[in-house]
Amino acid sequence: MKLSLAEGLYLIALDDEEGRLLSAAEHSVNQGMIAACIFELAIRHKVEIDSDTTVRLVDKKGTGNKILDDIIKFVGQEERKLQDMITWICDHYADLQQDITFLLMNRGIIKKESTKLLWIPVSERMDNANYAFEQEIRNGMHAIAIKGAKPPASLVVLIILISYCNLMDEVFKDKDNLIDAVKYVKDLADKGWVSPEIANALKSLKPYFAELGHH
């Protein structure tokens, strides 16, 4: 039962204490999850990202993961440049966070708890019911960024998107580790762990996410 990259990103973006999204990721987590889906589909050869970052669908067969399959449908509607595609899907996929929450709840990875006041639900919080999944992601990132393990393409994508969503300090709590990890991610796309097209596409998103962070 493997998590999609988008689910992994969402788990990291949830504040485990508060059970809601970390403020650092509020303005970029949806775009980050959609980008994660597109890159995951590219790694699985379901979509192609050209050298000019045009995204096109090459295999419309479903993956069995609702979020990924929804993204396949969006991408299949028309070819767009990667940034436009992410923004457009973001504008049209209103239930993204809800869908991803349901996926994670159905697998018993998080559970929703309502704080009740006189039996009236006041606020909902997400609880990480099975921390092993998030722990595995964190361990994987520490292994590659701190210990120099060879990263799979999927983790390269995930750690770069996590840095774009300002979540590095959520994964690397130790100050020295954080400094090393930030340095490691800087030119990670160029290290040859992902295809040149994916590397180019990842780099093209840096200013896009920087802009989102300023809202």
N, C-alpha and C. Protein backbone atom coordinates (compact mmCIF):
# COMPACT_ATOMS: atom_id res chain seq x y z
N MET A 1 0.85 -1.19 0.00
CA MET A 1 0.00 0.00 0.00
C MET A 1 0.89 1.24 0.00
N LYS A 2 1.26 1.65 -1.20
CA LYS A 2 2.17 2.79 -1.29
C LYS A 2 1.39 4.10 -1.38
N LEU A 3 1.91 5.09 -0.74
CA LEU A 3 1.29 6.41 -0.83
C LEU A 3 1.68 7.07 -2.13
N SER A 4 0.76 7.87 -2.67
CA SER A 4 1.15 8.70 -3.81
C SER A 4 2.02 9.85 -3.27
N LEU A 5 2.77 10.49 -4.16
CA LEU A 5 3.61 11.61 -3.74
C LEU A 5 2.76 12.74 -3.16
N ALA A 6 1.58 12.95 -3.73
CA ALA A 6 0.70 14.01 -3.23
C ALA A 6 0.26 13.72 -1.80
N GLU A 7 -0.06 12.46 -1.51
CA GLU A 7 -0.46 12.10 -0.15
C GLU A 7 0.70 12.29 0.82
N GLY A 8 1.91 11.96 0.36
CA GLY A 8 3.09 12.14 1.19
C GLY A 8 3.31 13.61 1.52
N LEU A 9 3.16 14.45 0.50
CA LEU A 9 3.33 15.89 0.70
C LEU A 9 2.29 16.43 1.68
N TYR A 10 1.06 15.96 1.54
CA TYR A 10 -0.04 16.41 2.41
C TYR A 10 0.22 16.01 3.86
N LEU A 11 0.71 14.80 4.06
CA LEU A 11 1.01 14.34 5.43
C LEU A 11 2.07 15.23 6.09
N ILE A 12 3.09 15.58 5.31
CA ILE A 12 4.15 16.44 5.85
C ILE A 12 3.59 17.83 6.16
N ALA A 13 2.64 18.29 5.32
CA ALA A 13 2.09 19.64 5.48
C ALA A 13 1.10 19.75 6.63
N LEU A 14 0.66 18.61 7.17
CA LEU A 14 -0.26 18.65 8.31
C LEU A 14 0.53 18.81 9.61
N ASP A 15 0.10 19.73 10.42
CA ASP A 15 0.73 19.93 11.72
C ASP A 15 0.27 18.80 12.65
N ASP A 16 1.20 17.97 13.09
CA ASP A 16 0.82 16.81 13.90
C ASP A 16 0.27 17.22 15.26
N GLU A 17 0.71 18.37 15.75
CA GLU A 17 0.20 18.83 17.05
C GLU A 17 -1.23 19.36 16.89
N GLU A 18 -1.38 20.21 15.89
CA GLU A 18 -2.65 20.92 15.72
C GLU A 18 -3.67 20.14 14.89
N GLY A 19 -3.18 19.22 14.05
CA GLY A 19 -4.09 18.47 13.21
C GLY A 19 -4.67 19.28 12.07
N ARG A 20 -3.99 20.36 11.71
CA ARG A 20 -4.44 21.11 10.52
C ARG A 20 -3.22 21.53 9.72
N LEU A 21 -3.45 22.16 8.56
CA LEU A 21 -2.33 22.51 7.71
C LEU A 21 -1.38 23.49 8.38
N LEU A 22 -0.09 23.29 8.18
CA LEU A 22 0.92 24.23 8.66
C LEU A 22 0.78 25.53 7.88
N SER A 23 0.91 26.65 8.57
CA SER A 23 0.70 27.93 7.88
C SER A 23 1.71 28.14 6.76
N ALA A 24 2.91 27.58 6.91
CA ALA A 24 3.94 27.75 5.87
C ALA A 24 3.48 27.22 4.52
N ALA A 25 2.60 26.20 4.55
CA ALA A 25 2.21 25.53 3.31
C ALA A 25 0.83 25.95 2.80
N GLU A 26 0.15 26.78 3.56
CA GLU A 26 -1.25 27.10 3.22
C GLU A 26 -1.44 27.59 1.79
N HIS A 27 -0.51 28.45 1.33
CA HIS A 27 -0.71 29.07 0.01
C HIS A 27 -0.17 28.23 -1.14
N SER A 28 0.51 27.14 -0.81
CA SER A 28 1.14 26.40 -1.90
C SER A 28 0.88 24.90 -1.88
N VAL A 29 0.20 24.41 -0.84
CA VAL A 29 0.10 22.95 -0.72
C VAL A 29 -0.74 22.34 -1.84
N ASN A 30 -1.82 23.01 -2.26
CA ASN A 30 -2.64 22.44 -3.34
C ASN A 30 -1.84 22.37 -4.65
N GLN A 31 -1.14 23.46 -4.96
CA GLN A 31 -0.31 23.46 -6.16
C GLN A 31 0.79 22.40 -6.04
N GLY A 32 1.34 22.26 -4.83
CA GLY A 32 2.38 21.26 -4.60
C GLY A 32 1.86 19.85 -4.84
N MET A 33 0.64 19.58 -4.35
CA MET A 33 0.07 18.23 -4.52
C MET A 33 -0.25 17.94 -5.99
N ILE A 34 -0.73 18.95 -6.69
CA ILE A 34 -1.04 18.74 -8.12
C ILE A 34 0.25 18.53 -8.90
N ALA A 35 1.26 19.32 -8.60
CA ALA A 35 2.57 19.12 -9.25
C ALA A 35 3.09 17.71 -8.94
N ALA A 36 2.93 17.28 -7.68
CA ALA A 36 3.39 15.95 -7.29
C ALA A 36 2.70 14.87 -8.12
N CYS A 37 1.41 15.05 -8.34
CA CYS A 37 0.65 14.07 -9.15
C CYS A 37 1.16 14.04 -10.59
N ILE A 38 1.37 15.23 -11.16
CA ILE A 38 1.82 15.29 -12.56
C ILE A 38 3.20 14.64 -12.70
N PHE A 39 4.09 14.92 -11.76
CA PHE A 39 5.43 14.31 -11.82
C PHE A 39 5.35 12.80 -11.59
N GLU A 40 4.49 12.38 -10.68
CA GLU A 40 4.36 10.93 -10.46
C GLU A 40 3.85 10.24 -11.71
N LEU A 41 2.89 10.87 -12.39
CA LEU A 41 2.36 10.30 -13.63
C LEU A 41 3.43 10.29 -14.73
N ALA A 42 4.31 11.30 -14.69
CA ALA A 42 5.41 11.34 -15.66
C ALA A 42 6.40 10.20 -15.39
N ILE A 43 6.70 9.97 -14.10
CA ILE A 43 7.61 8.88 -13.74
C ILE A 43 7.00 7.53 -14.15
N ARG A 44 5.67 7.45 -14.06
CA ARG A 44 4.98 6.19 -14.44
C ARG A 44 4.69 6.12 -15.93
N HIS A 45 5.17 7.10 -16.69
CA HIS A 45 4.97 7.17 -18.16
C HIS A 45 3.50 7.26 -18.56
N LYS A 46 2.72 7.94 -17.73
CA LYS A 46 1.31 8.19 -18.07
C LYS A 46 1.18 9.56 -18.74
N VAL A 47 2.03 10.48 -18.33
CA VAL A 47 2.07 11.78 -19.00
C VAL A 47 3.49 12.07 -19.44
N GLU A 48 3.60 12.95 -20.41
CA GLU A 48 4.92 13.40 -20.88
C GLU A 48 5.04 14.88 -20.58
N ILE A 49 6.24 15.29 -20.16
CA ILE A 49 6.51 16.72 -20.00
C ILE A 49 7.63 17.06 -20.98
N ASP A 50 7.30 17.85 -22.00
CA ASP A 50 8.30 18.19 -23.02
C ASP A 50 9.37 19.12 -22.47
N SER A 51 10.39 19.35 -23.30
CA SER A 51 11.49 20.24 -22.88
C SER A 51 11.00 21.67 -22.68
N ASP A 52 9.86 22.03 -23.32
CA ASP A 52 9.30 23.38 -23.07
C ASP A 52 8.22 23.34 -21.98
N THR A 53 8.20 22.24 -21.23
CA THR A 53 7.28 21.96 -20.10
C THR A 53 5.81 21.77 -20.50
N THR A 54 5.56 21.53 -21.78
CA THR A 54 4.18 21.18 -22.16
C THR A 54 3.84 19.79 -21.61
N VAL A 55 2.67 19.71 -20.96
CA VAL A 55 2.24 18.45 -20.35
C VAL A 55 1.19 17.81 -21.24
N ARG A 56 1.41 16.54 -21.60
CA ARG A 56 0.37 15.84 -22.38
C ARG A 56 0.18 14.43 -21.86
N LEU A 57 -1.04 13.94 -22.01
CA LEU A 57 -1.38 12.59 -21.55
C LEU A 57 -0.96 11.58 -22.61
N VAL A 58 -0.29 10.50 -22.19
CA VAL A 58 0.10 9.47 -23.15
C VAL A 58 -0.55 8.12 -22.84
N ASP A 59 -1.05 7.97 -21.61
CA ASP A 59 -1.70 6.70 -21.26
C ASP A 59 -2.83 7.01 -20.28
N LYS A 60 -4.07 6.84 -20.75
CA LYS A 60 -5.18 7.28 -19.90
C LYS A 60 -5.74 6.19 -18.99
N LYS A 61 -5.08 5.04 -18.98
CA LYS A 61 -5.52 3.95 -18.11
C LYS A 61 -5.35 4.37 -16.63
N GLY A 62 -6.34 4.07 -15.81
CA GLY A 62 -6.32 4.50 -14.41
C GLY A 62 -5.21 3.84 -13.59
N THR A 63 -4.94 4.44 -12.44
CA THR A 63 -3.90 3.91 -11.56
C THR A 63 -4.50 3.22 -10.34
N GLY A 64 -5.81 3.45 -10.11
CA GLY A 64 -6.43 2.91 -8.90
C GLY A 64 -6.35 3.89 -7.73
N ASN A 65 -5.65 5.02 -7.94
CA ASN A 65 -5.59 6.05 -6.91
C ASN A 65 -6.47 7.22 -7.37
N LYS A 66 -7.50 7.55 -6.58
CA LYS A 66 -8.49 8.53 -7.03
C LYS A 66 -7.88 9.86 -7.45
N ILE A 67 -6.94 10.35 -6.64
CA ILE A 67 -6.34 11.66 -6.94
C ILE A 67 -5.58 11.61 -8.27
N LEU A 68 -4.74 10.59 -8.42
CA LEU A 68 -3.96 10.47 -9.66
C LEU A 68 -4.89 10.31 -10.87
N ASP A 69 -5.96 9.53 -10.69
CA ASP A 69 -6.89 9.31 -11.81
C ASP A 69 -7.65 10.59 -12.17
N ASP A 70 -7.97 11.39 -11.16
CA ASP A 70 -8.61 12.69 -11.45
C ASP A 70 -7.66 13.59 -12.23
N ILE A 71 -6.39 13.58 -11.85
CA ILE A 71 -5.40 14.41 -12.55
C ILE A 71 -5.23 13.92 -13.99
N ILE A 72 -5.27 12.61 -14.19
CA ILE A 72 -5.21 12.06 -15.56
C ILE A 72 -6.34 12.66 -16.41
N LYS A 73 -7.54 12.73 -15.83
CA LYS A 73 -8.69 13.27 -16.58
C LYS A 73 -8.47 14.74 -16.93
N PHE A 74 -7.97 15.50 -15.96
CA PHE A 74 -7.69 16.92 -16.22
C PHE A 74 -6.66 17.08 -17.33
N VAL A 75 -5.54 16.37 -17.20
CA VAL A 75 -4.45 16.51 -18.18
C VAL A 75 -4.94 16.08 -19.56
N GLY A 76 -5.84 15.10 -19.59
CA GLY A 76 -6.36 14.60 -20.87
C GLY A 76 -7.23 15.59 -21.63
N GLN A 77 -7.68 16.64 -20.93
CA GLN A 77 -8.59 17.58 -21.60
C GLN A 77 -7.88 18.45 -22.63
N GLU A 78 -6.71 18.91 -22.31
CA GLU A 78 -5.93 19.66 -23.31
C GLU A 78 -4.49 19.82 -22.84
N GLU A 79 -3.60 19.99 -23.82
CA GLU A 79 -2.19 20.19 -23.47
C GLU A 79 -1.99 21.62 -22.97
N ARG A 80 -1.21 21.73 -21.93
CA ARG A 80 -0.88 23.05 -21.39
C ARG A 80 0.55 23.02 -20.88
N LYS A 81 1.14 24.20 -20.73
CA LYS A 81 2.44 24.29 -20.07
C LYS A 81 2.24 23.93 -18.59
N LEU A 82 3.28 23.39 -17.98
CA LEU A 82 3.18 22.85 -16.63
C LEU A 82 2.59 23.85 -15.63
N GLN A 83 3.10 25.09 -15.60
CA GLN A 83 2.58 26.06 -14.62
C GLN A 83 1.11 26.36 -14.86
N ASP A 84 0.74 26.53 -16.13
CA ASP A 84 -0.68 26.78 -16.46
C ASP A 84 -1.53 25.60 -16.05
N MET A 85 -1.00 24.40 -16.31
CA MET A 85 -1.74 23.17 -15.99
C MET A 85 -2.01 23.10 -14.48
N ILE A 86 -0.98 23.39 -13.68
CA ILE A 86 -1.14 23.32 -12.21
C ILE A 86 -2.17 24.35 -11.75
N THR A 87 -2.05 25.58 -12.25
CA THR A 87 -2.98 26.64 -11.85
C THR A 87 -4.40 26.30 -12.27
N TRP A 88 -4.54 25.82 -13.50
CA TRP A 88 -5.86 25.50 -14.04
C TRP A 88 -6.52 24.37 -13.25
N ILE A 89 -5.76 23.31 -12.97
CA ILE A 89 -6.32 22.19 -12.19
C ILE A 89 -6.69 22.68 -10.79
N CYS A 90 -5.82 23.50 -10.22
CA CYS A 90 -6.07 24.06 -8.88
C CYS A 90 -7.41 24.81 -8.84
N ASP A 91 -7.67 25.57 -9.88
CA ASP A 91 -8.90 26.35 -9.95
C ASP A 91 -10.13 25.47 -10.13
N HIS A 92 -9.94 24.27 -10.69
CA HIS A 92 -11.10 23.43 -11.01
C HIS A 92 -11.26 22.20 -10.11
N TYR A 93 -10.27 21.96 -9.27
CA TYR A 93 -10.34 20.78 -8.40
C TYR A 93 -10.57 21.25 -6.96
N ALA A 94 -11.82 21.65 -6.71
CA ALA A 94 -12.14 22.26 -5.41
C ALA A 94 -12.00 21.29 -4.24
N ASP A 95 -12.23 20.00 -4.50
CA ASP A 95 -12.26 19.02 -3.39
C ASP A 95 -10.94 18.32 -3.16
N LEU A 96 -9.85 18.87 -3.69
CA LEU A 96 -8.57 18.16 -3.62
C LEU A 96 -8.20 17.76 -2.19
N GLN A 97 -8.21 18.71 -1.27
CA GLN A 97 -7.81 18.39 0.11
C GLN A 97 -8.78 17.40 0.76
N GLN A 98 -10.06 17.59 0.45
CA GLN A 98 -11.08 16.68 0.99
C GLN A 98 -10.84 15.25 0.46
N ASP A 99 -10.60 15.14 -0.84
CA ASP A 99 -10.38 13.82 -1.45
C ASP A 99 -9.15 13.14 -0.87
N ILE A 100 -8.10 13.93 -0.69
CA ILE A 100 -6.85 13.35 -0.20
C ILE A 100 -7.01 12.94 1.26
N THR A 101 -7.78 13.72 2.01
CA THR A 101 -8.07 13.37 3.40
C THR A 101 -8.83 12.05 3.46
N PHE A 102 -9.85 11.91 2.60
CA PHE A 102 -10.64 10.66 2.57
C PHE A 102 -9.76 9.46 2.23
N LEU A 103 -8.89 9.65 1.23
CA LEU A 103 -7.99 8.55 0.85
C LEU A 103 -7.17 8.09 2.05
N LEU A 104 -6.61 9.07 2.76
CA LEU A 104 -5.76 8.75 3.91
C LEU A 104 -6.58 8.19 5.07
N MET A 105 -7.82 8.66 5.22
CA MET A 105 -8.67 8.12 6.28
C MET A 105 -9.09 6.68 5.97
N ASN A 106 -9.43 6.45 4.71
CA ASN A 106 -9.86 5.10 4.32
C ASN A 106 -8.77 4.07 4.55
N ARG A 107 -7.53 4.51 4.47
CA ARG A 107 -6.43 3.57 4.69
C ARG A 107 -6.00 3.55 6.16
N GLY A 108 -6.70 4.31 6.98
CA GLY A 108 -6.39 4.31 8.40
C GLY A 108 -5.11 5.07 8.74
N ILE A 109 -4.69 5.97 7.84
CA ILE A 109 -3.44 6.70 8.08
C ILE A 109 -3.70 7.95 8.91
N ILE A 110 -4.82 8.63 8.62
CA ILE A 110 -5.21 9.73 9.51
C ILE A 110 -6.66 9.53 9.92
N LYS A 111 -7.04 10.12 11.02
CA LYS A 111 -8.46 10.10 11.38
C LYS A 111 -8.89 11.52 11.73
N LYS A 112 -10.14 11.80 11.44
CA LYS A 112 -10.66 13.15 11.71
C LYS A 112 -11.30 13.15 13.08
N GLU A 113 -11.00 14.16 13.84
CA GLU A 113 -11.64 14.29 15.15
C GLU A 113 -12.31 15.65 15.23
N SER A 114 -13.55 15.67 15.69
CA SER A 114 -14.21 16.95 15.88
C SER A 114 -14.16 17.33 17.35
N THR A 115 -13.87 18.57 17.60
CA THR A 115 -13.94 19.07 18.97
C THR A 115 -15.40 19.45 19.17
N LYS A 116 -16.03 18.89 20.18
CA LYS A 116 -17.46 19.17 20.34
C LYS A 116 -17.71 20.07 21.54
N LEU A 117 -18.64 20.98 21.35
CA LEU A 117 -19.05 21.86 22.43
C LEU A 117 -20.55 21.64 22.53
N LEU A 118 -21.01 21.07 23.65
CA LEU A 118 -22.43 20.72 23.77
C LEU A 118 -22.92 19.95 22.55
N TRP A 119 -22.14 18.99 22.15
CA TRP A 119 -22.46 18.11 21.00
C TRP A 119 -22.49 18.83 19.66
N ILE A 120 -22.08 20.08 19.60
CA ILE A 120 -22.00 20.75 18.29
C ILE A 120 -20.54 20.70 17.86
N PRO A 121 -20.26 20.10 16.68
CA PRO A 121 -18.86 20.08 16.25
C PRO A 121 -18.36 21.51 16.02
N VAL A 122 -17.28 21.86 16.68
CA VAL A 122 -16.77 23.23 16.56
C VAL A 122 -15.68 23.29 15.51
N SER A 123 -14.72 22.40 15.62
CA SER A 123 -13.66 22.43 14.62
C SER A 123 -13.20 21.00 14.39
N GLU A 124 -12.66 20.78 13.22
CA GLU A 124 -12.18 19.43 12.92
C GLU A 124 -10.68 19.44 12.93
N ARG A 125 -10.10 18.36 13.40
CA ARG A 125 -8.65 18.24 13.31
C ARG A 125 -8.32 16.88 12.74
N MET A 126 -7.19 16.83 12.06
CA MET A 126 -6.72 15.59 11.49
C MET A 126 -5.75 14.97 12.48
N ASP A 127 -5.90 13.70 12.75
CA ASP A 127 -4.95 13.03 13.63
C ASP A 127 -4.19 11.98 12.85
N ASN A 128 -2.91 11.97 13.03
CA ASN A 128 -2.08 10.99 12.33
C ASN A 128 -2.19 9.66 13.05
N ALA A 129 -3.11 8.81 12.58
CA ALA A 129 -3.42 7.57 13.29
C ALA A 129 -2.35 6.50 13.06
N ASN A 130 -1.70 6.57 11.91
CA ASN A 130 -0.66 5.58 11.62
C ASN A 130 0.58 6.33 11.15
N TYR A 131 1.42 6.68 12.11
CA TYR A 131 2.55 7.57 11.81
C TYR A 131 3.63 6.89 10.97
N ALA A 132 3.55 5.55 10.87
CA ALA A 132 4.60 4.81 10.15
C ALA A 132 4.79 5.32 8.73
N PHE A 133 3.70 5.71 8.08
CA PHE A 133 3.79 6.17 6.69
C PHE A 133 4.59 7.46 6.59
N GLU A 134 4.24 8.41 7.45
CA GLU A 134 4.97 9.68 7.43
C GLU A 134 6.41 9.46 7.86
N GLN A 135 6.61 8.58 8.84
CA GLN A 135 7.96 8.29 9.32
C GLN A 135 8.83 7.75 8.19
N GLU A 136 8.22 6.89 7.37
CA GLU A 136 8.97 6.29 6.25
C GLU A 136 9.43 7.37 5.26
N ILE A 137 8.55 8.34 4.99
CA ILE A 137 8.90 9.45 4.09
C ILE A 137 10.06 10.26 4.70
N ARG A 138 9.91 10.58 5.99
CA ARG A 138 10.94 11.37 6.67
C ARG A 138 12.28 10.62 6.68
N ASN A 139 12.22 9.31 6.98
CA ASN A 139 13.45 8.51 7.01
C ASN A 139 14.13 8.51 5.64
N GLY A 140 13.28 8.36 4.59
CA GLY A 140 13.81 8.34 3.22
C GLY A 140 14.53 9.63 2.89
N MET A 141 13.94 10.73 3.30
CA MET A 141 14.55 12.04 3.01
C MET A 141 15.84 12.25 3.79
N HIS A 142 15.84 11.82 5.05
CA HIS A 142 17.06 11.92 5.84
C HIS A 142 18.17 11.06 5.23
N ALA A 143 17.78 9.87 4.77
CA ALA A 143 18.77 8.96 4.19
C ALA A 143 19.44 9.58 2.97
N ILE A 144 18.66 10.27 2.13
CA ILE A 144 19.27 10.83 0.91
C ILE A 144 19.96 12.18 1.18
N ALA A 145 19.31 13.04 1.97
CA ALA A 145 19.85 14.40 2.12
C ALA A 145 20.98 14.48 3.14
N ILE A 146 20.94 13.62 4.14
CA ILE A 146 21.95 13.69 5.21
C ILE A 146 23.00 12.58 5.04
N LYS A 147 22.52 11.38 4.71
CA LYS A 147 23.45 10.25 4.67
C LYS A 147 23.95 9.92 3.27
N GLY A 148 23.38 10.62 2.25
CA GLY A 148 23.89 10.44 0.88
C GLY A 148 23.45 9.17 0.18
N ALA A 149 22.31 8.58 0.62
CA ALA A 149 21.80 7.39 -0.07
C ALA A 149 21.34 7.77 -1.48
N LYS A 150 21.34 6.78 -2.37
CA LYS A 150 20.90 7.05 -3.76
C LYS A 150 19.38 7.20 -3.79
N PRO A 151 18.89 8.34 -4.25
CA PRO A 151 17.45 8.55 -4.19
C PRO A 151 16.70 8.02 -5.40
N PRO A 152 15.52 7.42 -5.19
CA PRO A 152 14.66 7.12 -6.34
C PRO A 152 14.08 8.43 -6.90
N ALA A 153 13.69 8.41 -8.16
CA ALA A 153 13.16 9.63 -8.81
C ALA A 153 12.01 10.23 -8.01
N SER A 154 11.15 9.36 -7.46
CA SER A 154 9.98 9.85 -6.73
C SER A 154 10.38 10.70 -5.52
N LEU A 155 11.41 10.27 -4.80
CA LEU A 155 11.84 11.03 -3.62
C LEU A 155 12.52 12.33 -4.00
N VAL A 156 13.21 12.32 -5.14
CA VAL A 156 13.82 13.57 -5.64
C VAL A 156 12.72 14.61 -5.86
N VAL A 157 11.65 14.18 -6.54
CA VAL A 157 10.52 15.07 -6.81
C VAL A 157 9.91 15.55 -5.48
N LEU A 158 9.67 14.61 -4.57
CA LEU A 158 8.99 14.96 -3.32
C LEU A 158 9.80 15.95 -2.49
N ILE A 159 11.09 15.71 -2.36
CA ILE A 159 11.88 16.59 -1.49
C ILE A 159 12.03 17.99 -2.12
N ILE A 160 12.09 18.06 -3.44
CA ILE A 160 12.16 19.38 -4.10
C ILE A 160 10.84 20.13 -3.91
N LEU A 161 9.71 19.42 -4.06
CA LEU A 161 8.41 20.08 -3.86
C LEU A 161 8.22 20.49 -2.40
N ILE A 162 8.73 19.68 -1.48
CA ILE A 162 8.65 20.04 -0.06
C ILE A 162 9.44 21.32 0.21
N SER A 163 10.59 21.44 -0.47
CA SER A 163 11.37 22.68 -0.28
C SER A 163 10.62 23.87 -0.91
N TYR A 164 9.98 23.67 -2.06
CA TYR A 164 9.20 24.75 -2.69
C TYR A 164 8.02 25.18 -1.81
N CYS A 165 7.45 24.23 -1.06
CA CYS A 165 6.30 24.54 -0.20
C CYS A 165 6.74 24.99 1.21
N ASN A 166 8.02 25.30 1.34
CA ASN A 166 8.56 25.83 2.62
C ASN A 166 8.39 24.87 3.79
N LEU A 167 8.55 23.59 3.53
CA LEU A 167 8.34 22.59 4.59
C LEU A 167 9.61 21.87 5.01
N MET A 168 10.77 22.36 4.55
CA MET A 168 12.01 21.65 4.88
C MET A 168 12.24 21.58 6.39
N ASP A 169 11.93 22.66 7.09
CA ASP A 169 12.19 22.64 8.54
C ASP A 169 11.20 21.75 9.28
N GLU A 170 10.13 21.35 8.59
CA GLU A 170 9.19 20.40 9.18
C GLU A 170 9.77 18.98 9.12
N VAL A 171 10.57 18.72 8.09
CA VAL A 171 11.16 17.39 7.92
C VAL A 171 12.50 17.29 8.64
N PHE A 172 13.28 18.38 8.55
CA PHE A 172 14.61 18.37 9.16
C PHE A 172 14.59 19.30 10.38
N LYS A 173 14.26 18.73 11.51
CA LYS A 173 14.06 19.53 12.73
C LYS A 173 15.40 20.02 13.31
N ASP A 174 16.43 19.25 13.11
CA ASP A 174 17.75 19.62 13.63
C ASP A 174 18.36 20.72 12.74
N LYS A 175 18.81 21.80 13.36
CA LYS A 175 19.31 22.96 12.61
C LYS A 175 20.43 22.61 11.63
N ASP A 176 21.41 21.83 12.09
CA ASP A 176 22.54 21.47 11.22
C ASP A 176 22.08 20.60 10.06
N ASN A 177 21.19 19.65 10.36
CA ASN A 177 20.64 18.80 9.31
C ASN A 177 19.88 19.63 8.29
N LEU A 178 19.14 20.62 8.79
CA LEU A 178 18.35 21.48 7.90
C LEU A 178 19.28 22.23 6.94
N ILE A 179 20.37 22.78 7.46
CA ILE A 179 21.33 23.51 6.62
C ILE A 179 21.88 22.58 5.54
N ASP A 180 22.27 21.36 5.94
CA ASP A 180 22.80 20.38 4.98
C ASP A 180 21.75 19.99 3.93
N ALA A 181 20.53 19.79 4.40
CA ALA A 181 19.46 19.34 3.49
C ALA A 181 19.11 20.42 2.48
N VAL A 182 19.05 21.66 2.95
CA VAL A 182 18.74 22.78 2.04
C VAL A 182 19.81 22.89 0.96
N LYS A 183 21.07 22.72 1.40
CA LYS A 183 22.19 22.75 0.45
C LYS A 183 22.06 21.60 -0.56
N TYR A 184 21.69 20.44 -0.05
CA TYR A 184 21.57 19.23 -0.88
C TYR A 184 20.50 19.41 -1.96
N VAL A 185 19.40 20.03 -1.59
CA VAL A 185 18.26 20.16 -2.52
C VAL A 185 18.54 21.19 -3.62
N LYS A 186 19.44 22.13 -3.34
CA LYS A 186 19.70 23.23 -4.28
C LYS A 186 19.89 22.78 -5.72
N ASP A 187 20.79 21.83 -5.95
CA ASP A 187 21.04 21.39 -7.34
C ASP A 187 20.69 19.91 -7.52
N LEU A 188 19.75 19.45 -6.71
CA LEU A 188 19.37 18.03 -6.75
C LEU A 188 18.80 17.61 -8.10
N ALA A 189 18.03 18.52 -8.71
CA ALA A 189 17.40 18.19 -10.01
C ALA A 189 18.45 17.86 -11.07
N ASP A 190 19.65 18.44 -10.92
CA ASP A 190 20.70 18.26 -11.94
C ASP A 190 21.62 17.08 -11.68
N LYS A 191 21.33 16.30 -10.66
CA LYS A 191 22.26 15.23 -10.29
C LYS A 191 22.10 13.95 -11.12
N GLY A 192 21.11 13.94 -12.01
CA GLY A 192 20.96 12.77 -12.88
C GLY A 192 20.05 11.68 -12.34
N TRP A 193 19.36 11.96 -11.21
CA TRP A 193 18.46 10.94 -10.64
C TRP A 193 17.10 10.93 -11.34
N VAL A 194 16.77 12.03 -12.02
CA VAL A 194 15.50 12.09 -12.78
C VAL A 194 15.83 12.39 -14.24
N SER A 195 14.86 12.17 -15.11
CA SER A 195 15.09 12.42 -16.53
C SER A 195 15.33 13.92 -16.76
N PRO A 196 16.03 14.27 -17.86
CA PRO A 196 16.28 15.69 -18.14
C PRO A 196 14.99 16.51 -18.22
N GLU A 197 13.92 15.90 -18.76
CA GLU A 197 12.63 16.61 -18.88
C GLU A 197 12.06 16.92 -17.51
N ILE A 198 12.09 15.93 -16.62
CA ILE A 198 11.56 16.15 -15.26
C ILE A 198 12.44 17.15 -14.52
N ALA A 199 13.76 17.03 -14.69
CA ALA A 199 14.68 17.97 -14.04
C ALA A 199 14.37 19.41 -14.47
N ASN A 200 14.22 19.58 -15.77
CA ASN A 200 13.93 20.90 -16.34
C ASN A 200 12.58 21.43 -15.82
N ALA A 201 11.59 20.54 -15.77
CA ALA A 201 10.25 20.93 -15.31
C ALA A 201 10.28 21.32 -13.83
N LEU A 202 11.01 20.55 -13.04
CA LEU A 202 11.13 20.87 -11.60
C LEU A 202 11.74 22.25 -11.41
N LYS A 203 12.81 22.52 -12.15
CA LYS A 203 13.49 23.81 -12.01
C LYS A 203 12.59 24.96 -12.48
N SER A 204 11.78 24.69 -13.50
CA SER A 204 10.91 25.75 -14.03
C SER A 204 9.87 26.19 -13.00
N LEU A 205 9.59 25.34 -12.00
CA LEU A 205 8.55 25.67 -11.02
C LEU A 205 9.05 26.50 -9.85
N LYS A 206 10.36 26.66 -9.75
CA LYS A 206 10.90 27.37 -8.58
C LYS A 206 10.32 28.79 -8.44
N PRO A 207 10.38 29.62 -9.52
CA PRO A 207 9.81 30.96 -9.39
C PRO A 207 8.30 30.95 -9.17
N TYR A 208 7.62 29.97 -9.75
CA TYR A 208 6.16 29.83 -9.61
C TYR A 208 5.80 29.67 -8.13
N PHE A 209 6.50 28.77 -7.43
CA PHE A 209 6.21 28.54 -6.02
C PHE A 209 6.68 29.71 -5.15
N ALA A 210 7.78 30.34 -5.56
CA ALA A 210 8.25 31.51 -4.81
C ALA A 210 7.19 32.61 -4.83
N GLU A 211 6.56 32.75 -5.97
CA GLU A 211 5.49 33.75 -6.15
C GLU A 211 4.29 33.41 -5.25
N LEU A 212 3.92 32.12 -5.20
CA LEU A 212 2.78 31.70 -4.36
C LEU A 212 3.03 32.03 -2.91
N GLY A 213 4.27 31.86 -2.49
CA GLY A 213 4.63 32.10 -1.10
C GLY A 213 4.47 33.55 -0.67
N HIS A 214 4.40 34.45 -1.66
CA HIS A 214 4.33 35.87 -1.32
C HIS A 214 2.90 36.37 -1.15
N HIS A 215 1.93 35.45 -1.37
CA HIS A 215 0.53 35.90 -1.26
C HIS A 215 0.14 36.12 0.18
